[in-house]
């Protein structure tokens, strides 16, 4: 079984045991449950919750609020809208199955923690006449104001009273203070080494049939240069497979704190991209190489990588990659206390990203203009 599936199943079991303790366990259900894990695993945690929701025995829809958290009022307004739309969708499905439905709860007139929590309770009670209630997950994709989000979490924990048809989960792995504010937690534990090994084995194996003459070619000279950079032979003649292996090895080394090894792997990956014409992939690798240089504290090299990727992505009109490069460049300059030099990169992100984008909101916050 692949490591992601193992981690997901463990989280599902832990989540259900926390909310519904098995017989003989001297423990009450929590008022609010924190979902813990590495920040880079956030998307997989959300997918796991959906997997739990779709289990045949599940009778609690999940309302997952992923709006960015910049301030309490806007996030609570997004929570109201998400509850309203998701409950309406569940009611529609039940009605199509022949289940008689009453009118859903009215939206609250006030947008404050107590009023929104009470509205969520009413929504859960409304669904409980046909199901068992609902699970409300506060899971902002971006927390621009960690202190404000922690304050909201504490407020909801203090307002909850006993068991009800509503379960409240909170997922914000970048907010360290939540560990103290919401002490009861279950954790998504992913064996990252096993995952890297598994992913390296995925994908098509090198062809045993006739050679594909249209595939990217690597000259003996370039191959020798890459192998010299790595200090070892390339594992495959297939460019795509080799690139994936180099990137997985480099990312694993970076996650494990071996920045110099990560740099060596990513530089080899970039050379491979340049030699075989993989332009988009080469820019992605260059941005990753910049991050590796940051970890290695070679900030001059990191800036060169981000700047190169930014210019090339702009020339090719590859907006997502240009945004990534701009963010790396801006954050690097802030680290060096060069905030004025970071402004053009943030301004470019605002220009490229659409309204409502979390990246745009963060860039505007850095520029001092708030979210527009």
Protein backbone atom coordinates (compact mmCIF):
# COMPACT_ATOMS: atom_id res chain seq x y z
CA UNK A 1 0.00 0.00 0.00
CA UNK A 2 1.37 3.43 -0.89
CA UNK A 3 2.43 5.69 2.01
CA UNK A 4 -0.23 8.33 1.29
CA UNK A 5 -3.01 5.77 1.60
CA UNK A 6 -1.51 4.49 4.84
CA UNK A 7 -1.37 8.02 6.28
CA UNK A 8 -4.93 8.78 5.14
CA UNK A 9 -6.36 5.64 6.71
CA UNK A 10 -4.60 6.33 9.98
CA UNK A 11 -5.98 9.87 10.08
CA UNK A 12 -9.50 8.63 9.32
CA UNK A 13 -9.34 6.12 12.17
CA UNK A 14 -7.92 8.70 14.58
CA UNK A 15 -10.49 11.33 13.56
CA UNK A 16 -13.45 9.01 14.11
CA UNK A 17 -12.04 7.66 17.38
CA UNK A 18 -11.58 11.22 18.66
CA UNK A 19 -15.18 12.22 17.90
CA UNK A 20 -16.70 8.87 18.82
CA UNK A 21 -14.49 7.21 21.46
CA UNK A 22 -14.72 3.40 21.43
CA UNK A 23 -16.48 1.60 24.31
CA UNK A 24 -14.37 1.40 27.43
CA UNK A 25 -12.32 4.51 26.62
CA UNK A 26 -12.59 7.04 29.44
CA UNK A 27 -12.59 10.11 27.26
CA UNK A 28 -15.23 12.54 26.04
CA UNK A 29 -15.55 13.87 22.53
CA UNK A 30 -13.75 17.20 22.01
CA UNK A 31 -15.56 20.48 21.56
CA UNK A 32 -13.14 21.40 18.75
CA UNK A 33 -10.63 19.02 17.15
CA UNK A 34 -7.34 20.25 15.71
CA UNK A 35 -6.00 18.50 12.61
CA UNK A 36 -2.23 18.53 12.80
CA UNK A 37 0.40 17.81 10.19
CA UNK A 38 3.22 19.30 8.16
CA UNK A 39 2.21 22.45 6.22
CA UNK A 40 3.12 20.78 2.94
CA UNK A 41 0.63 17.98 3.73
CA UNK A 42 -2.35 20.33 4.07
CA UNK A 43 -3.87 19.45 0.69
CA UNK A 44 -3.58 15.73 1.42
CA UNK A 45 -5.31 16.22 4.78
CA UNK A 46 -8.23 17.94 3.02
CA UNK A 47 -8.40 15.08 0.50
CA UNK A 48 -8.46 12.62 3.40
CA UNK A 49 -11.43 14.42 4.93
CA UNK A 50 -13.27 14.14 1.62
CA UNK A 51 -12.39 10.45 1.51
CA UNK A 52 -13.90 10.06 4.99
CA UNK A 53 -17.02 11.96 3.93
CA UNK A 54 -17.48 9.65 0.93
CA UNK A 55 -17.28 6.45 2.99
CA UNK A 56 -20.51 4.41 2.58
CA UNK A 57 -21.15 4.47 6.32
CA UNK A 58 -20.60 8.23 6.67
CA UNK A 59 -23.74 10.19 7.51
CA UNK A 60 -22.14 13.56 8.21
CA UNK A 61 -21.44 15.90 5.27
CA UNK A 62 -18.21 17.89 5.54
CA UNK A 63 -18.38 21.66 5.06
CA UNK A 64 -14.75 22.68 4.45
CA UNK A 65 -14.08 26.43 4.55
CA UNK A 66 -10.83 27.16 2.66
CA UNK A 67 -11.17 30.93 2.28
CA UNK A 68 -7.96 32.77 3.24
CA UNK A 69 -7.95 34.26 6.72
CA UNK A 70 -7.04 37.93 6.64
CA UNK A 71 -9.50 39.09 9.30
CA UNK A 72 -12.26 37.56 11.39
CA UNK A 73 -15.22 39.28 9.71
CA UNK A 74 -14.38 38.24 6.13
CA UNK A 75 -13.59 34.67 7.13
CA UNK A 76 -16.81 34.32 9.13
CA UNK A 77 -18.79 35.74 6.20
CA UNK A 78 -17.17 33.10 3.96
CA UNK A 79 -18.10 30.45 6.52
CA UNK A 80 -21.75 31.54 6.43
CA UNK A 81 -21.79 31.41 2.63
CA UNK A 82 -20.15 27.97 2.54
CA UNK A 83 -22.56 26.55 5.12
CA UNK A 84 -25.53 27.95 3.23
CA UNK A 85 -24.48 26.59 -0.17
CA UNK A 86 -23.37 23.16 1.09
CA UNK A 87 -26.48 22.60 3.20
CA UNK A 88 -28.63 23.59 0.22
CA UNK A 89 -26.78 21.05 -1.94
CA UNK A 90 -27.32 18.29 0.63
CA UNK A 91 -31.02 19.18 0.92
CA UNK A 92 -31.35 19.04 -2.86
CA UNK A 93 -29.78 15.58 -2.97
CA UNK A 94 -32.01 14.31 -0.16
CA UNK A 95 -35.11 15.71 -1.86
CA UNK A 96 -34.15 13.99 -5.11
CA UNK A 97 -33.99 10.75 -3.12
CA UNK A 98 -37.54 11.34 -1.86
CA UNK A 99 -36.65 12.64 1.63
CA UNK A 100 -38.94 15.45 2.76
CA UNK A 101 -37.00 18.54 3.74
CA UNK A 102 -37.94 21.53 5.84
CA UNK A 103 -36.71 25.06 5.31
CA UNK A 104 -33.01 25.53 6.03
CA UNK A 105 -31.93 27.93 8.81
CA UNK A 106 -31.84 31.64 8.03
CA UNK A 107 -28.46 33.30 7.84
CA UNK A 108 -27.45 35.14 11.02
CA UNK A 109 -27.98 38.88 11.10
CA UNK A 110 -24.68 39.41 12.92
CA UNK A 111 -21.28 38.25 11.73
CA UNK A 112 -19.45 37.41 14.95
CA UNK A 113 -18.09 34.14 16.39
CA UNK A 114 -21.12 33.41 18.58
CA UNK A 115 -23.69 34.11 15.86
CA UNK A 116 -21.87 32.10 13.18
CA UNK A 117 -21.31 29.16 15.52
CA UNK A 118 -25.01 29.20 16.45
CA UNK A 119 -25.86 29.21 12.73
CA UNK A 120 -23.59 26.20 12.19
CA UNK A 121 -25.34 24.40 15.06
CA UNK A 122 -28.72 25.10 13.46
CA UNK A 123 -27.48 23.79 10.12
CA UNK A 124 -26.25 20.59 11.78
CA UNK A 125 -29.56 20.13 13.59
CA UNK A 126 -31.42 20.74 10.33
CA UNK A 127 -29.49 17.93 8.62
CA UNK A 128 -29.71 15.63 11.64
CA UNK A 129 -33.37 14.89 10.95
CA UNK A 130 -32.24 12.87 7.93
CA UNK A 131 -28.53 12.25 8.60
CA UNK A 132 -26.43 12.62 11.77
CA UNK A 133 -25.42 16.27 11.46
CA UNK A 134 -22.38 17.80 9.80
CA UNK A 135 -18.66 18.37 10.22
CA UNK A 136 -17.52 21.98 9.83
CA UNK A 137 -13.82 22.29 8.99
CA UNK A 138 -12.14 25.67 9.28
CA UNK A 139 -9.22 25.14 6.89
CA UNK A 140 -7.99 28.42 5.37
CA UNK A 141 -5.58 27.90 2.47
CA UNK A 142 -3.63 30.94 3.64
CA UNK A 143 -3.52 32.47 7.12
CA UNK A 144 -2.40 36.05 6.70
CA UNK A 145 -3.23 36.94 10.32
CA UNK A 146 -2.22 34.00 12.58
CA UNK A 147 -3.05 35.87 15.80
CA UNK A 148 -6.56 36.64 14.59
CA UNK A 149 -7.18 33.05 13.53
CA UNK A 150 -5.96 31.74 16.90
CA UNK A 151 -8.29 34.18 18.66
CA UNK A 152 -11.23 32.91 16.60
CA UNK A 153 -10.35 29.29 17.39
CA UNK A 154 -10.19 30.04 21.12
CA UNK A 155 -13.53 31.85 20.93
CA UNK A 156 -15.28 28.92 19.29
CA UNK A 157 -13.77 26.47 21.76
CA UNK A 158 -15.06 28.55 24.69
CA UNK A 159 -18.53 28.90 23.12
CA UNK A 160 -19.17 25.22 22.50
CA UNK A 161 -21.30 23.45 25.11
CA UNK A 162 -21.53 19.67 25.20
CA UNK A 163 -22.27 17.17 22.45
CA UNK A 164 -24.38 18.19 19.47
CA UNK A 165 -24.99 17.32 15.83
CA UNK A 166 -22.12 19.65 14.90
CA UNK A 167 -18.49 18.64 14.85
CA UNK A 168 -15.86 21.36 14.41
CA UNK A 169 -12.40 20.61 13.01
CA UNK A 170 -9.65 23.20 12.60
CA UNK A 171 -6.82 22.81 10.10
CA UNK A 172 -4.13 25.49 9.95
CA UNK A 173 -0.72 23.79 10.19
CA UNK A 174 1.22 27.03 9.74
CA UNK A 175 -0.30 28.56 12.89
CA UNK A 176 1.91 27.31 15.71
CA UNK A 177 -0.16 28.89 18.50
CA UNK A 178 -3.10 26.57 17.71
CA UNK A 179 -1.31 23.74 19.50
CA UNK A 180 -1.91 25.58 22.79
CA UNK A 181 -5.29 27.06 21.89
CA UNK A 182 -6.84 23.76 20.71
CA UNK A 183 -5.09 20.99 22.68
CA UNK A 184 -7.05 17.96 21.38
CA UNK A 185 -5.60 16.91 18.04
CA UNK A 186 -5.12 14.09 15.57
CA UNK A 187 -2.13 14.09 13.26
CA UNK A 188 -1.53 13.21 9.63
CA UNK A 189 1.72 11.24 9.73
CA UNK A 190 3.32 10.64 6.36
CA UNK A 191 6.45 8.50 5.95
CA UNK A 192 8.15 10.91 3.61
CA UNK A 193 11.12 8.67 2.81
CA UNK A 194 8.80 5.83 1.84
CA UNK A 195 6.72 8.26 -0.23
CA UNK A 196 9.74 9.51 -2.18
CA UNK A 197 10.84 5.95 -2.87
CA UNK A 198 7.32 5.06 -3.99
CA UNK A 199 6.96 8.05 -6.30
CA UNK A 200 10.30 7.38 -7.93
CA UNK A 201 9.02 3.97 -8.96
CA UNK A 202 5.83 5.33 -10.52
CA UNK A 203 5.39 6.20 -14.17
CA UNK A 204 6.31 4.39 -17.33
CA UNK A 205 9.36 2.18 -17.30
CA UNK A 206 12.04 2.65 -19.95
CA UNK A 207 10.75 1.25 -23.23
CA UNK A 208 11.93 -2.18 -24.30
CA UNK A 209 10.63 -1.62 -27.83
CA UNK A 210 11.98 0.39 -30.74
CA UNK A 211 13.72 3.65 -29.89
CA UNK A 212 11.49 6.74 -30.03
CA UNK A 213 13.43 9.04 -32.35
CA UNK A 214 11.24 12.02 -31.39
CA UNK A 215 12.22 11.81 -27.71
CA UNK A 216 14.56 14.50 -26.30
CA UNK A 217 18.21 13.64 -26.94
CA UNK A 218 21.11 14.09 -24.57
CA UNK A 219 24.53 14.43 -26.14
CA UNK A 220 27.42 12.41 -24.69
CA UNK A 221 29.08 15.66 -23.66
CA UNK A 222 26.03 16.94 -21.76
CA UNK A 223 25.48 13.56 -20.18
CA UNK A 224 29.10 13.52 -19.00
CA UNK A 225 28.70 17.05 -17.58
CA UNK A 226 25.57 16.08 -15.63
CA UNK A 227 27.21 12.92 -14.29
CA UNK A 228 30.23 14.98 -13.22
CA UNK A 229 27.90 17.38 -11.37
CA UNK A 230 26.22 14.46 -9.61
CA UNK A 231 29.36 12.43 -9.04
CA UNK A 232 27.53 9.31 -10.23
CA UNK A 233 26.06 7.82 -13.42
CA UNK A 234 22.55 8.80 -14.50
CA UNK A 235 20.02 6.16 -13.55
CA UNK A 236 18.24 6.11 -16.91
CA UNK A 237 18.53 7.27 -20.49
CA UNK A 238 14.89 8.39 -20.39
CA UNK A 239 14.88 12.18 -19.80
CA UNK A 240 11.50 12.36 -18.05
CA UNK A 241 12.19 9.44 -15.73
CA UNK A 242 15.66 10.71 -14.87
CA UNK A 243 14.35 14.22 -14.24
CA UNK A 244 11.71 12.90 -11.86
CA UNK A 245 14.31 10.87 -9.97
CA UNK A 246 16.63 13.86 -9.66
CA UNK A 247 13.84 16.13 -8.44
CA UNK A 248 12.53 13.59 -5.92
CA UNK A 249 16.03 12.99 -4.56
CA UNK A 250 16.70 16.73 -4.39
CA UNK A 251 13.43 17.49 -2.63
CA UNK A 252 13.98 14.69 -0.13
CA UNK A 253 17.50 15.92 0.61
CA UNK A 254 16.16 19.44 1.15
CA UNK A 255 13.40 18.21 3.50
CA UNK A 256 15.98 16.26 5.47
CA UNK A 257 18.28 19.27 5.84
CA UNK A 258 20.94 18.18 3.33
CA UNK A 259 20.94 21.40 1.36
CA UNK A 260 24.24 20.84 -0.45
CA UNK A 261 23.09 17.48 -1.79
CA UNK A 262 19.76 19.04 -2.80
CA UNK A 263 21.62 21.76 -4.74
CA UNK A 264 23.72 19.17 -6.56
CA UNK A 265 20.65 17.14 -7.58
CA UNK A 266 18.66 20.19 -8.67
CA UNK A 267 21.53 21.67 -10.65
CA UNK A 268 21.83 18.38 -12.50
CA UNK A 269 18.07 18.42 -13.10
CA UNK A 270 18.29 21.94 -14.51
CA UNK A 271 21.12 20.94 -16.83
CA UNK A 272 19.02 18.00 -18.03
CA UNK A 273 16.07 20.30 -18.75
CA UNK A 274 18.27 22.74 -20.66
CA UNK A 275 19.85 19.94 -22.68
CA UNK A 276 16.54 18.34 -23.70
CA UNK A 277 14.42 21.46 -24.27
CA UNK A 278 12.12 21.02 -21.25
CA UNK A 279 11.60 24.76 -20.78
CA UNK A 280 8.67 24.85 -18.33
CA UNK A 281 10.17 22.07 -16.24
CA UNK A 282 13.51 23.88 -16.25
CA UNK A 283 11.96 27.02 -14.77
CA UNK A 284 10.21 24.99 -12.08
CA UNK A 285 13.52 23.33 -11.21
CA UNK A 286 15.29 26.71 -11.15
CA UNK A 287 12.80 28.05 -8.58
CA UNK A 288 13.35 24.92 -6.47
CA UNK A 289 17.09 25.40 -6.78
CA UNK A 290 16.67 28.96 -5.50
CA UNK A 291 14.92 27.62 -2.41
CA UNK A 292 17.72 25.11 -1.86
CA UNK A 293 20.26 27.94 -2.04
CA UNK A 294 18.23 29.88 0.57
CA UNK A 295 18.39 26.90 2.94
CA UNK A 296 22.15 26.67 2.29
CA UNK A 297 22.39 30.42 3.08
CA UNK A 298 23.82 31.22 -0.36
CA UNK A 299 21.46 34.13 -0.85
CA UNK A 300 23.29 35.62 -3.83
CA UNK A 301 22.86 32.38 -5.81
CA UNK A 302 19.25 32.11 -4.66
CA UNK A 303 18.47 35.60 -5.95
CA UNK A 304 20.09 34.80 -9.28
CA UNK A 305 17.89 31.69 -9.66
CA UNK A 306 14.67 33.51 -8.78
CA UNK A 307 15.51 36.46 -11.03
CA UNK A 308 16.37 34.23 -13.98
CA UNK A 309 13.14 32.24 -13.55
CA UNK A 310 11.11 35.43 -13.23
CA UNK A 311 12.47 37.00 -16.42
CA UNK A 312 12.19 33.82 -18.47
CA UNK A 313 8.66 33.04 -17.26
CA UNK A 314 7.59 36.59 -18.13
CA UNK A 315 9.05 36.25 -21.63
CA UNK A 316 7.17 32.97 -22.15
CA UNK A 317 3.98 34.30 -20.49
CA UNK A 318 4.00 31.47 -17.95
CA UNK A 319 2.13 33.41 -15.27
CA UNK A 320 2.00 30.77 -12.47
CA UNK A 321 5.75 30.27 -12.67
CA UNK A 322 6.38 34.01 -12.79
CA UNK A 323 4.28 34.44 -9.65
CA UNK A 324 6.24 31.69 -7.87
CA UNK A 325 9.53 33.30 -8.84
CA UNK A 326 8.31 36.74 -7.74
CA UNK A 327 7.30 35.41 -4.35
CA UNK A 328 10.66 33.75 -3.85
CA UNK A 329 12.45 36.93 -4.89
CA UNK A 330 10.33 39.19 -2.68
CA UNK A 331 10.62 36.99 0.41
CA UNK A 332 14.37 36.70 -0.08
CA UNK A 333 14.74 40.49 -0.19
CA UNK A 334 12.61 40.86 2.94
CA UNK A 335 14.92 38.36 4.68
CA UNK A 336 17.79 40.68 3.77
CA UNK A 337 15.88 43.74 5.06
CA UNK A 338 15.57 45.06 1.48
CA UNK A 339 11.82 45.65 1.68
CA UNK A 340 11.82 48.54 -0.81
CA UNK A 341 13.43 46.26 -3.41
CA UNK A 342 10.78 43.60 -2.69
CA UNK A 343 7.91 45.91 -3.66
CA UNK A 344 8.16 45.47 -7.46
CA UNK A 345 7.86 41.70 -7.10
CA UNK A 346 4.78 42.00 -4.86
CA UNK A 347 3.28 44.56 -7.24
CA UNK A 348 3.78 42.14 -10.14
CA UNK A 349 1.98 39.40 -8.20
CA UNK A 350 -0.99 41.73 -7.63
CA UNK A 351 -0.98 42.48 -11.35
CA UNK A 352 -0.92 38.82 -12.39
CA UNK A 353 -3.15 37.15 -9.81
CA UNK A 354 -6.99 37.39 -10.01
CA UNK A 355 -9.26 38.96 -7.40
CA UNK A 356 -9.83 36.59 -4.49
CA UNK A 357 -6.49 34.82 -4.92
CA UNK A 358 -4.74 34.11 -1.57
CA UNK A 359 -1.41 34.94 -3.19
CA UNK A 360 -2.75 38.31 -4.33
CA UNK A 361 -4.10 39.00 -0.84
CA UNK A 362 -0.73 38.21 0.74
CA UNK A 363 1.11 40.42 -1.77
CA UNK A 364 -1.27 43.29 -1.04
CA UNK A 365 -0.76 42.80 2.69
CA UNK A 366 3.00 43.03 2.19
CA UNK A 367 2.48 46.21 0.18
CA UNK A 368 0.41 47.64 3.03
CA UNK A 369 -2.82 47.87 1.04
CA UNK A 370 -4.89 45.07 2.60
CA UNK A 371 -7.00 42.71 0.51
CA UNK A 372 -8.90 44.21 -2.39
